[in-house]
């Protein structure tokens, strides 16, 4: 498990930090296993920041899967399969982020509008 954290931890958290920078904010603290984001993000900002790693790893996985299906040789297929495997593991690592997004959306829905 430690090797997975070393391999995927920093790129995953860097994508969260990049998302924060894209909306003009900064992370409070960045670690290899998590990032502390500001508490005052809007729901849309939160979904973007929390969901960017899932979007990136998921898109890479889908593109590589299409490349695998369209591979013209064994070498192309092997390369595409390797990318699907690596990116798929990264995408699976975003399940926690997706869960947090769903919790945030459920919380916002439960609170009455002002």
N, C-alpha and C. Protein backbone atom coordinates (compact mmCIF):
# COMPACT_ATOMS: atom_id res chain seq x y z
N UNK A 1 0.82 -1.20 0.00
CA UNK A 1 0.00 0.00 0.00
C UNK A 1 0.86 1.26 0.00
N UNK A 2 2.00 1.20 0.70
CA UNK A 2 2.88 2.36 0.74
C UNK A 2 3.38 2.75 -0.65
N UNK A 3 3.66 1.76 -1.48
CA UNK A 3 4.15 2.09 -2.82
C UNK A 3 3.06 2.77 -3.65
N UNK A 4 1.79 2.43 -3.41
CA UNK A 4 0.71 3.12 -4.11
C UNK A 4 0.63 4.58 -3.68
N UNK A 5 0.78 4.82 -2.38
CA UNK A 5 0.77 6.20 -1.90
C UNK A 5 1.94 6.99 -2.47
N UNK A 6 3.11 6.36 -2.53
CA UNK A 6 4.27 7.06 -3.09
C UNK A 6 4.08 7.33 -4.58
N UNK A 7 3.47 6.39 -5.29
CA UNK A 7 3.30 6.53 -6.73
C UNK A 7 2.20 7.51 -7.10
N UNK A 8 1.06 7.43 -6.43
CA UNK A 8 -0.11 8.21 -6.82
C UNK A 8 -0.42 9.39 -5.90
N UNK A 9 0.11 9.38 -4.68
CA UNK A 9 -0.26 10.40 -3.71
C UNK A 9 0.02 11.82 -4.15
N UNK A 10 1.26 12.10 -4.47
CA UNK A 10 1.63 13.46 -4.83
C UNK A 10 0.96 13.95 -6.12
N UNK A 11 0.93 13.14 -7.21
CA UNK A 11 0.22 13.62 -8.41
C UNK A 11 -1.27 13.90 -8.14
N UNK A 12 -1.89 13.05 -7.35
CA UNK A 12 -3.31 13.23 -7.01
C UNK A 12 -3.51 14.54 -6.26
N UNK A 13 -2.70 14.75 -5.24
CA UNK A 13 -2.84 15.97 -4.44
C UNK A 13 -2.42 17.20 -5.24
N UNK A 14 -1.46 17.05 -6.14
CA UNK A 14 -1.05 18.17 -6.99
C UNK A 14 -2.19 18.61 -7.90
N UNK A 15 -3.03 17.67 -8.33
CA UNK A 15 -4.19 18.04 -9.15
C UNK A 15 -5.20 18.84 -8.33
N UNK A 16 -5.37 18.50 -7.06
CA UNK A 16 -6.22 19.32 -6.19
C UNK A 16 -5.63 20.73 -6.07
N UNK A 17 -4.32 20.81 -5.85
CA UNK A 17 -3.66 22.12 -5.72
C UNK A 17 -3.78 22.92 -7.01
N UNK A 18 -3.64 22.26 -8.16
CA UNK A 18 -3.81 22.93 -9.44
C UNK A 18 -5.22 23.47 -9.59
N UNK A 19 -6.21 22.68 -9.21
CA UNK A 19 -7.60 23.13 -9.29
C UNK A 19 -7.81 24.37 -8.43
N UNK A 20 -7.23 24.37 -7.24
CA UNK A 20 -7.34 25.56 -6.38
C UNK A 20 -6.71 26.77 -7.05
N UNK A 21 -5.54 26.59 -7.65
CA UNK A 21 -4.87 27.70 -8.32
C UNK A 21 -5.70 28.21 -9.50
N UNK A 22 -6.36 27.29 -10.20
CA UNK A 22 -7.18 27.70 -11.34
C UNK A 22 -8.37 28.56 -10.94
N UNK A 23 -8.85 28.39 -9.70
CA UNK A 23 -9.95 29.24 -9.23
C UNK A 23 -9.43 30.41 -8.41
N UNK A 24 -8.10 30.58 -8.40
CA UNK A 24 -7.52 31.73 -7.72
C UNK A 24 -7.33 31.57 -6.23
N UNK A 25 -7.28 30.35 -5.75
CA UNK A 25 -7.11 30.08 -4.32
C UNK A 25 -5.85 29.26 -4.11
N UNK A 26 -5.45 29.11 -2.86
CA UNK A 26 -4.28 28.32 -2.51
C UNK A 26 -4.67 27.28 -1.47
N UNK A 27 -3.93 26.19 -1.48
CA UNK A 27 -4.13 25.15 -0.47
C UNK A 27 -3.58 25.65 0.86
N UNK A 28 -4.24 25.25 1.94
CA UNK A 28 -3.74 25.59 3.27
C UNK A 28 -2.48 24.78 3.56
N UNK A 29 -2.53 23.50 3.23
CA UNK A 29 -1.38 22.62 3.43
C UNK A 29 -1.47 21.47 2.44
N UNK A 30 -0.32 21.09 1.87
CA UNK A 30 -0.26 19.97 0.93
C UNK A 30 0.63 18.89 1.53
N UNK A 31 0.11 17.68 1.59
CA UNK A 31 0.88 16.52 2.04
C UNK A 31 0.79 15.45 0.96
N UNK A 32 1.52 14.37 1.14
CA UNK A 32 1.52 13.31 0.14
C UNK A 32 0.20 12.56 0.12
N UNK A 33 -0.52 12.56 1.24
CA UNK A 33 -1.76 11.79 1.30
C UNK A 33 -3.03 12.63 1.35
N UNK A 34 -2.91 13.92 1.53
CA UNK A 34 -4.11 14.77 1.53
C UNK A 34 -3.71 16.23 1.34
N UNK A 35 -4.72 17.03 1.07
CA UNK A 35 -4.53 18.47 0.92
C UNK A 35 -5.60 19.16 1.75
N UNK A 36 -5.22 20.18 2.47
CA UNK A 36 -6.18 20.96 3.24
C UNK A 36 -6.65 22.11 2.38
N UNK A 37 -7.95 22.12 2.08
CA UNK A 37 -8.50 23.18 1.24
C UNK A 37 -9.24 24.18 2.12
N UNK A 38 -9.38 25.41 1.64
CA UNK A 38 -10.12 26.41 2.42
C UNK A 38 -11.56 25.97 2.66
N UNK A 39 -12.09 26.35 3.82
CA UNK A 39 -13.46 25.98 4.19
C UNK A 39 -14.52 26.80 3.47
N UNK A 40 -14.13 27.94 2.91
CA UNK A 40 -15.12 28.86 2.36
C UNK A 40 -15.34 28.72 0.85
N UNK A 41 -15.03 27.57 0.28
CA UNK A 41 -15.28 27.36 -1.14
C UNK A 41 -16.78 27.20 -1.38
N UNK A 42 -17.25 27.73 -2.50
CA UNK A 42 -18.63 27.47 -2.89
C UNK A 42 -18.76 26.00 -3.27
N UNK A 43 -19.97 25.53 -3.40
CA UNK A 43 -20.17 24.13 -3.77
C UNK A 43 -19.57 23.83 -5.14
N UNK A 44 -19.77 24.73 -6.09
CA UNK A 44 -19.19 24.52 -7.42
C UNK A 44 -17.67 24.46 -7.37
N UNK A 45 -17.06 25.36 -6.61
CA UNK A 45 -15.61 25.34 -6.47
C UNK A 45 -15.15 24.05 -5.81
N UNK A 46 -15.86 23.63 -4.77
CA UNK A 46 -15.50 22.40 -4.06
C UNK A 46 -15.58 21.19 -4.99
N UNK A 47 -16.64 21.11 -5.77
CA UNK A 47 -16.80 19.99 -6.69
C UNK A 47 -15.66 19.98 -7.71
N UNK A 48 -15.29 21.15 -8.21
CA UNK A 48 -14.18 21.25 -9.17
C UNK A 48 -12.86 20.82 -8.54
N UNK A 49 -12.57 21.36 -7.37
CA UNK A 49 -11.30 21.06 -6.70
C UNK A 49 -11.23 19.58 -6.31
N UNK A 50 -12.30 19.05 -5.75
CA UNK A 50 -12.28 17.65 -5.33
C UNK A 50 -12.37 16.69 -6.51
N UNK A 51 -13.00 17.12 -7.59
CA UNK A 51 -13.23 16.23 -8.72
C UNK A 51 -12.20 16.23 -9.82
N UNK A 52 -11.28 17.20 -9.82
CA UNK A 52 -10.30 17.27 -10.91
C UNK A 52 -9.45 16.00 -11.03
N UNK A 53 -8.94 15.42 -9.95
CA UNK A 53 -8.18 14.17 -10.13
C UNK A 53 -9.02 13.05 -10.75
N UNK A 54 -10.27 12.94 -10.36
CA UNK A 54 -11.14 11.91 -10.95
C UNK A 54 -11.34 12.17 -12.44
N UNK A 55 -11.52 13.43 -12.80
CA UNK A 55 -11.69 13.79 -14.21
C UNK A 55 -10.44 13.45 -15.01
N UNK A 56 -9.28 13.83 -14.50
CA UNK A 56 -8.03 13.60 -15.23
C UNK A 56 -7.72 12.11 -15.34
N UNK A 57 -7.72 11.40 -14.21
CA UNK A 57 -7.41 9.97 -14.26
C UNK A 57 -8.47 9.20 -15.05
N UNK A 58 -9.73 9.58 -14.90
CA UNK A 58 -10.80 8.92 -15.65
C UNK A 58 -10.68 9.15 -17.15
N UNK A 59 -10.37 10.39 -17.55
CA UNK A 59 -10.21 10.69 -18.97
C UNK A 59 -9.03 9.93 -19.57
N UNK A 60 -7.92 9.89 -18.85
CA UNK A 60 -6.76 9.14 -19.34
C UNK A 60 -7.12 7.66 -19.50
N UNK A 61 -7.85 7.12 -18.54
CA UNK A 61 -8.25 5.71 -18.61
C UNK A 61 -9.14 5.45 -19.83
N UNK A 62 -10.11 6.32 -20.07
CA UNK A 62 -11.01 6.14 -21.21
C UNK A 62 -10.26 6.28 -22.53
N UNK A 63 -9.41 7.29 -22.64
CA UNK A 63 -8.65 7.48 -23.88
C UNK A 63 -7.74 6.28 -24.14
N UNK A 64 -7.09 5.78 -23.09
CA UNK A 64 -6.23 4.61 -23.26
C UNK A 64 -7.03 3.37 -23.62
N UNK A 65 -8.25 3.24 -23.07
CA UNK A 65 -9.10 2.10 -23.41
C UNK A 65 -9.49 2.15 -24.89
N UNK A 66 -9.80 3.34 -25.38
CA UNK A 66 -10.11 3.49 -26.81
C UNK A 66 -8.88 3.14 -27.65
N UNK A 67 -7.71 3.60 -27.21
CA UNK A 67 -6.48 3.27 -27.92
C UNK A 67 -6.24 1.76 -27.91
N UNK A 68 -6.57 1.11 -26.81
CA UNK A 68 -6.41 -0.35 -26.73
C UNK A 68 -7.33 -1.04 -27.74
N UNK A 69 -8.56 -0.57 -27.83
CA UNK A 69 -9.50 -1.17 -28.78
C UNK A 69 -9.09 -0.93 -30.23
N UNK A 70 -8.40 0.17 -30.48
CA UNK A 70 -7.99 0.51 -31.84
C UNK A 70 -6.53 0.19 -32.13
N UNK A 71 -5.88 -0.54 -31.26
CA UNK A 71 -4.46 -0.84 -31.42
C UNK A 71 -4.22 -1.62 -32.71
N UNK A 72 -3.18 -1.21 -33.43
CA UNK A 72 -2.85 -1.86 -34.69
C UNK A 72 -1.79 -2.93 -34.56
N UNK A 73 -1.19 -3.03 -33.39
CA UNK A 73 -0.15 -4.04 -33.18
C UNK A 73 -0.15 -4.47 -31.72
N UNK A 74 0.58 -5.52 -31.46
CA UNK A 74 0.71 -6.01 -30.08
C UNK A 74 1.40 -4.97 -29.21
N UNK A 75 2.38 -4.29 -29.74
CA UNK A 75 3.11 -3.29 -28.96
C UNK A 75 2.18 -2.14 -28.58
N UNK A 76 1.39 -1.66 -29.54
CA UNK A 76 0.42 -0.60 -29.23
C UNK A 76 -0.58 -1.07 -28.19
N UNK A 77 -1.05 -2.29 -28.31
CA UNK A 77 -2.01 -2.83 -27.36
C UNK A 77 -1.40 -2.96 -25.97
N UNK A 78 -0.15 -3.42 -25.90
CA UNK A 78 0.52 -3.56 -24.61
C UNK A 78 0.72 -2.20 -23.95
N UNK A 79 1.12 -1.21 -24.73
CA UNK A 79 1.31 0.13 -24.20
C UNK A 79 -0.02 0.71 -23.70
N UNK A 80 -1.06 0.56 -24.50
CA UNK A 80 -2.38 1.07 -24.10
C UNK A 80 -2.89 0.34 -22.86
N UNK A 81 -2.66 -0.96 -22.78
CA UNK A 81 -3.08 -1.73 -21.61
C UNK A 81 -2.33 -1.26 -20.36
N UNK A 82 -1.05 -0.97 -20.51
CA UNK A 82 -0.27 -0.46 -19.37
C UNK A 82 -0.82 0.88 -18.89
N UNK A 83 -1.17 1.76 -19.84
CA UNK A 83 -1.72 3.07 -19.46
C UNK A 83 -3.09 2.90 -18.82
N UNK A 84 -3.92 2.01 -19.36
CA UNK A 84 -5.23 1.74 -18.75
C UNK A 84 -5.06 1.27 -17.32
N UNK A 85 -4.10 0.39 -17.10
CA UNK A 85 -3.87 -0.15 -15.76
C UNK A 85 -3.41 0.94 -14.80
N UNK A 86 -2.40 1.70 -15.19
CA UNK A 86 -1.86 2.74 -14.31
C UNK A 86 -2.90 3.83 -14.05
N UNK A 87 -3.53 4.32 -15.11
CA UNK A 87 -4.53 5.38 -14.94
C UNK A 87 -5.78 4.85 -14.23
N UNK A 88 -6.13 3.60 -14.47
CA UNK A 88 -7.29 3.02 -13.80
C UNK A 88 -7.10 2.93 -12.30
N UNK A 89 -5.88 2.59 -11.87
CA UNK A 89 -5.59 2.57 -10.44
C UNK A 89 -5.70 3.99 -9.88
N UNK A 90 -5.20 4.97 -10.64
CA UNK A 90 -5.33 6.36 -10.21
C UNK A 90 -6.79 6.79 -10.12
N UNK A 91 -7.59 6.35 -11.09
CA UNK A 91 -9.02 6.68 -11.06
C UNK A 91 -9.71 6.02 -9.88
N UNK A 92 -9.33 4.79 -9.58
CA UNK A 92 -9.92 4.10 -8.43
C UNK A 92 -9.57 4.81 -7.13
N UNK A 93 -8.43 5.46 -7.11
CA UNK A 93 -8.01 6.21 -5.92
C UNK A 93 -8.80 7.47 -5.68
N UNK A 94 -9.67 7.82 -6.60
CA UNK A 94 -10.47 9.03 -6.44
C UNK A 94 -11.86 8.75 -5.87
N UNK A 95 -12.12 7.51 -5.51
CA UNK A 95 -13.43 7.15 -4.95
C UNK A 95 -13.72 7.97 -3.69
N UNK A 96 -12.71 8.17 -2.87
CA UNK A 96 -12.90 8.98 -1.66
C UNK A 96 -13.30 10.41 -1.98
N UNK A 97 -12.68 10.98 -3.02
CA UNK A 97 -13.04 12.33 -3.43
C UNK A 97 -14.48 12.40 -3.92
N UNK A 98 -14.87 11.41 -4.70
CA UNK A 98 -16.24 11.38 -5.22
C UNK A 98 -17.24 11.23 -4.07
N UNK A 99 -16.88 10.44 -3.07
CA UNK A 99 -17.74 10.29 -1.89
C UNK A 99 -17.89 11.62 -1.17
N UNK A 100 -16.79 12.35 -1.01
CA UNK A 100 -16.86 13.67 -0.36
C UNK A 100 -17.71 14.65 -1.17
N UNK A 101 -17.61 14.58 -2.48
CA UNK A 101 -18.45 15.44 -3.33
C UNK A 101 -19.92 15.11 -3.12
N UNK A 102 -20.26 13.83 -3.11
CA UNK A 102 -21.66 13.43 -2.90
C UNK A 102 -22.16 13.87 -1.53
N UNK A 103 -21.31 13.75 -0.51
CA UNK A 103 -21.71 14.21 0.83
C UNK A 103 -21.95 15.71 0.85
N UNK A 104 -21.10 16.46 0.18
CA UNK A 104 -21.26 17.92 0.14
C UNK A 104 -22.55 18.29 -0.59
N UNK A 105 -22.82 17.63 -1.71
CA UNK A 105 -24.04 17.92 -2.45
C UNK A 105 -25.28 17.54 -1.65
N UNK A 106 -25.23 16.42 -0.93
CA UNK A 106 -26.35 16.01 -0.09
C UNK A 106 -26.55 16.99 1.05
N UNK A 107 -25.47 17.47 1.62
CA UNK A 107 -25.56 18.46 2.71
C UNK A 107 -26.18 19.76 2.20
N UNK A 108 -25.75 20.21 1.03
CA UNK A 108 -26.32 21.43 0.46
C UNK A 108 -27.79 21.27 0.14
N UNK A 109 -28.17 20.09 -0.30
CA UNK A 109 -29.57 19.85 -0.64
C UNK A 109 -30.44 19.80 0.61
N UNK A 110 -29.87 19.31 1.71
CA UNK A 110 -30.62 19.18 2.97
C UNK A 110 -30.82 20.52 3.66
N UNK A 111 -29.90 21.46 3.43
CA UNK A 111 -30.03 22.78 4.06
C UNK A 111 -31.06 23.61 3.30
N UNK A 112 -31.96 24.25 4.03
CA UNK A 112 -32.96 25.08 3.35
C UNK A 112 -32.31 26.32 2.74
N UNK A 113 -32.85 26.75 1.61
CA UNK A 113 -32.35 27.96 0.95
C UNK A 113 -32.74 29.19 1.74
N UNK A 114 -31.89 30.19 1.66
CA UNK A 114 -32.20 31.44 2.38
C UNK A 114 -32.88 32.43 1.48
